[in-house]
Amino acid sequence: MEEMLSLAATTAGWLGALGTATAYGLVSGRVVESGSATFQSLNLSGAALLAVSAAASGAWPGVAANFVWVLISVVTLISARGALSGRPTPGETAPSSSRG
């Protein structure tokens, strides 16, 4: 059982590394924008998988760093969703309607 969990954690780590490297490559190659849902989703899933792998190994600084990475991606995705719906994003005011 322990061997199976170790294999799952290792696989999660490799998939997470692949996801974050792919995201970085796509942005560096200007295929996607850094604020895009594609980039942020790849970062979010990659960081979450890396955090699982780090936790299984007891690498707590890696868990913390990837947790922050996940939070940044979540906030960016939520902000982007608000912008698409016409709602103001954090730090932005709602557009005023001018009637004249």
C-alpha atoms as a PDB file:
ATOM      1  CA  MET A   1       0.000   0.000   0.000  1.00  0.00           C
ATOM      2  CA  GLU A   2       2.793   2.425   0.926  1.00  0.00           C
ATOM      3  CA  GLU A   3       4.549   1.691  -2.360  1.00  0.00           C
ATOM      4  CA  MET A   4       1.370   2.508  -4.270  1.00  0.00           C
ATOM      5  CA  LEU A   5       0.989   5.852  -2.453  1.00  0.00           C
ATOM      6  CA  SER A   6       4.623   6.669  -3.174  1.00  0.00           C
ATOM      7  CA  LEU A   7       4.079   5.919  -6.868  1.00  0.00           C
ATOM      8  CA  ALA A   8       0.940   8.106  -6.886  1.00  0.00           C
ATOM      9  CA  ALA A   9       2.814  11.000  -5.239  1.00  0.00           C
ATOM     10  CA  THR A  10       5.709  10.666  -7.675  1.00  0.00           C
ATOM     11  CA  THR A  11       3.330  10.574 -10.632  1.00  0.00           C
ATOM     12  CA  ALA A  12       1.518  13.654  -9.286  1.00  0.00           C
ATOM     13  CA  GLY A  13       4.839  15.451  -9.011  1.00  0.00           C
ATOM     14  CA  TRP A  14       5.854  14.633 -12.579  1.00  0.00           C
ATOM     15  CA  LEU A  15       2.469  15.673 -13.941  1.00  0.00           C
ATOM     16  CA  GLY A  16       2.630  18.894 -11.924  1.00  0.00           C
ATOM     17  CA  ALA A  17       6.110  19.657 -13.220  1.00  0.00           C
ATOM     18  CA  LEU A  18       4.956  18.994 -16.780  1.00  0.00           C
ATOM     19  CA  GLY A  19       1.927  21.260 -16.313  1.00  0.00           C
ATOM     20  CA  THR A  20       3.846  24.201 -14.902  1.00  0.00           C
ATOM     21  CA  ALA A  21       6.647  23.838 -17.455  1.00  0.00           C
ATOM     22  CA  THR A  22       4.072  23.719 -20.261  1.00  0.00           C
ATOM     23  CA  ALA A  23       2.381  26.863 -18.909  1.00  0.00           C
ATOM     24  CA  TYR A  24       5.712  28.680 -18.734  1.00  0.00           C
ATOM     25  CA  GLY A  25       6.635  27.561 -22.240  1.00  0.00           C
ATOM     26  CA  LEU A  26       3.316  28.731 -23.663  1.00  0.00           C
ATOM     27  CA  VAL A  27       3.666  32.175 -22.101  1.00  0.00           C
ATOM     28  CA  SER A  28       7.333  32.487 -23.040  1.00  0.00           C
ATOM     29  CA  GLY A  29       6.502  31.535 -26.627  1.00  0.00           C
ATOM     30  CA  ARG A  30       3.662  34.071 -26.612  1.00  0.00           C
ATOM     31  CA  VAL A  31       1.132  31.371 -27.434  1.00  0.00           C
ATOM     32  CA  VAL A  32      -1.070  32.360 -24.471  1.00  0.00           C
ATOM     33  CA  GLU A  33      -1.253  35.438 -22.243  1.00  0.00           C
ATOM     34  CA  SER A  34      -0.218  35.250 -18.595  1.00  0.00           C
ATOM     35  CA  GLY A  35      -3.719  36.222 -17.473  1.00  0.00           C
ATOM     36  CA  SER A  36      -5.448  33.638 -19.658  1.00  0.00           C
ATOM     37  CA  ALA A  37      -7.563  30.851 -18.219  1.00  0.00           C
ATOM     38  CA  THR A  38      -5.343  28.312 -20.001  1.00  0.00           C
ATOM     39  CA  PHE A  39      -2.169  29.579 -18.348  1.00  0.00           C
ATOM     40  CA  GLN A  40      -3.731  30.012 -14.920  1.00  0.00           C
ATOM     41  CA  SER A  41      -5.449  26.601 -15.040  1.00  0.00           C
ATOM     42  CA  LEU A  42      -2.213  24.858 -15.995  1.00  0.00           C
ATOM     43  CA  ASN A  43      -0.419  26.684 -13.187  1.00  0.00           C
ATOM     44  CA  LEU A  44      -3.144  25.890 -10.671  1.00  0.00           C
ATOM     45  CA  SER A  45      -3.301  22.182 -11.464  1.00  0.00           C
ATOM     46  CA  GLY A  46       0.472  21.868 -11.784  1.00  0.00           C
ATOM     47  CA  ALA A  47       1.117  23.581  -8.467  1.00  0.00           C
ATOM     48  CA  ALA A  48      -1.554  21.512  -6.714  1.00  0.00           C
ATOM     49  CA  LEU A  49      -0.012  18.280  -8.002  1.00  0.00           C
ATOM     50  CA  LEU A  50       3.478  19.437  -7.030  1.00  0.00           C
ATOM     51  CA  ALA A  51       2.177  20.299  -3.547  1.00  0.00           C
ATOM     52  CA  VAL A  52       0.740  16.783  -3.165  1.00  0.00           C
ATOM     53  CA  SER A  53       4.062  15.282  -4.164  1.00  0.00           C
ATOM     54  CA  ALA A  54       5.988  17.601  -1.845  1.00  0.00           C
ATOM     55  CA  ALA A  55       3.668  16.818   1.070  1.00  0.00           C
ATOM     56  CA  ALA A  56       4.109  13.085   0.535  1.00  0.00           C
ATOM     57  CA  SER A  57       7.871  13.618   0.745  1.00  0.00           C
ATOM     58  CA  GLY A  58       7.647  15.922   3.759  1.00  0.00           C
ATOM     59  CA  ALA A  59       9.056  18.836   1.758  1.00  0.00           C
ATOM     60  CA  TRP A  60       7.021  21.514   3.547  1.00  0.00           C
ATOM     61  CA  PRO A  61       8.683  24.565   1.949  1.00  0.00           C
ATOM     62  CA  GLY A  62       7.653  23.149  -1.442  1.00  0.00           C
ATOM     63  CA  VAL A  63       4.112  22.629  -0.166  1.00  0.00           C
ATOM     64  CA  ALA A  64       3.962  26.240   1.040  1.00  0.00           C
ATOM     65  CA  ALA A  65       5.379  27.675  -2.200  1.00  0.00           C
ATOM     66  CA  ASN A  66       2.968  25.683  -4.337  1.00  0.00           C
ATOM     67  CA  PHE A  67       0.044  26.593  -2.086  1.00  0.00           C
ATOM     68  CA  VAL A  68       0.835  30.281  -2.727  1.00  0.00           C
ATOM     69  CA  TRP A  69       1.074  29.515  -6.457  1.00  0.00           C
ATOM     70  CA  VAL A  70      -2.384  27.890  -6.325  1.00  0.00           C
ATOM     71  CA  LEU A  71      -3.837  30.901  -4.487  1.00  0.00           C
ATOM     72  CA  ILE A  72      -2.425  33.328  -7.057  1.00  0.00           C
ATOM     73  CA  SER A  73      -3.959  31.288  -9.874  1.00  0.00           C
ATOM     74  CA  VAL A  74      -7.337  31.071  -8.137  1.00  0.00           C
ATOM     75  CA  VAL A  75      -7.445  34.834  -7.512  1.00  0.00           C
ATOM     76  CA  THR A  76      -6.456  35.557 -11.115  1.00  0.00           C
ATOM     77  CA  LEU A  77      -9.108  33.178 -12.491  1.00  0.00           C
ATOM     78  CA  ILE A  78     -11.786  34.714 -10.260  1.00  0.00           C
ATOM     79  CA  SER A  79     -10.742  38.237 -11.268  1.00  0.00           C
ATOM     80  CA  ALA A  80     -10.822  37.297 -14.940  1.00  0.00           C
ATOM     81  CA  ARG A  81     -14.254  35.756 -14.543  1.00  0.00           C
ATOM     82  CA  GLY A  82     -15.513  38.977 -12.908  1.00  0.00           C
ATOM     83  CA  ALA A  83     -14.074  41.044 -15.743  1.00  0.00           C
ATOM     84  CA  LEU A  84     -15.831  38.874 -18.320  1.00  0.00           C
ATOM     85  CA  SER A  85     -19.152  39.235 -16.533  1.00  0.00           C
ATOM     86  CA  GLY A  86     -18.831  43.014 -16.353  1.00  0.00           C
ATOM     87  CA  ARG A  87     -18.367  43.028 -12.586  1.00  0.00           C
ATOM     88  CA  PRO A  88     -15.469  45.113 -11.275  1.00  0.00           C
ATOM     89  CA  THR A  89     -12.288  43.230 -10.393  1.00  0.00           C
ATOM     90  CA  PRO A  90     -10.429  43.929  -7.138  1.00  0.00           C
ATOM     91  CA  GLY A  91      -9.058  47.468  -7.175  1.00  0.00           C
ATOM     92  CA  GLU A  92     -11.382  48.530  -9.954  1.00  0.00           C
ATOM     93  CA  THR A  93     -14.557  50.583  -9.735  1.00  0.00           C
ATOM     94  CA  ALA A  94     -17.742  49.791 -11.536  1.00  0.00           C
ATOM     95  CA  PRO A  95     -18.261  51.767 -14.731  1.00  0.00           C
ATOM     96  CA  SER A  96     -20.624  54.659 -14.242  1.00  0.00           C
ATOM     97  CA  SER A  97     -23.455  55.143 -16.625  1.00  0.00           C
ATOM     98  CA  SER A  98     -23.646  58.670 -17.930  1.00  0.00           C
ATOM     99  CA  ARG A  99     -27.031  59.902 -18.903  1.00  0.00           C
ATOM    100  CA  GLY A 100     -27.260  63.215 -20.430  1.00  0.00           C
END
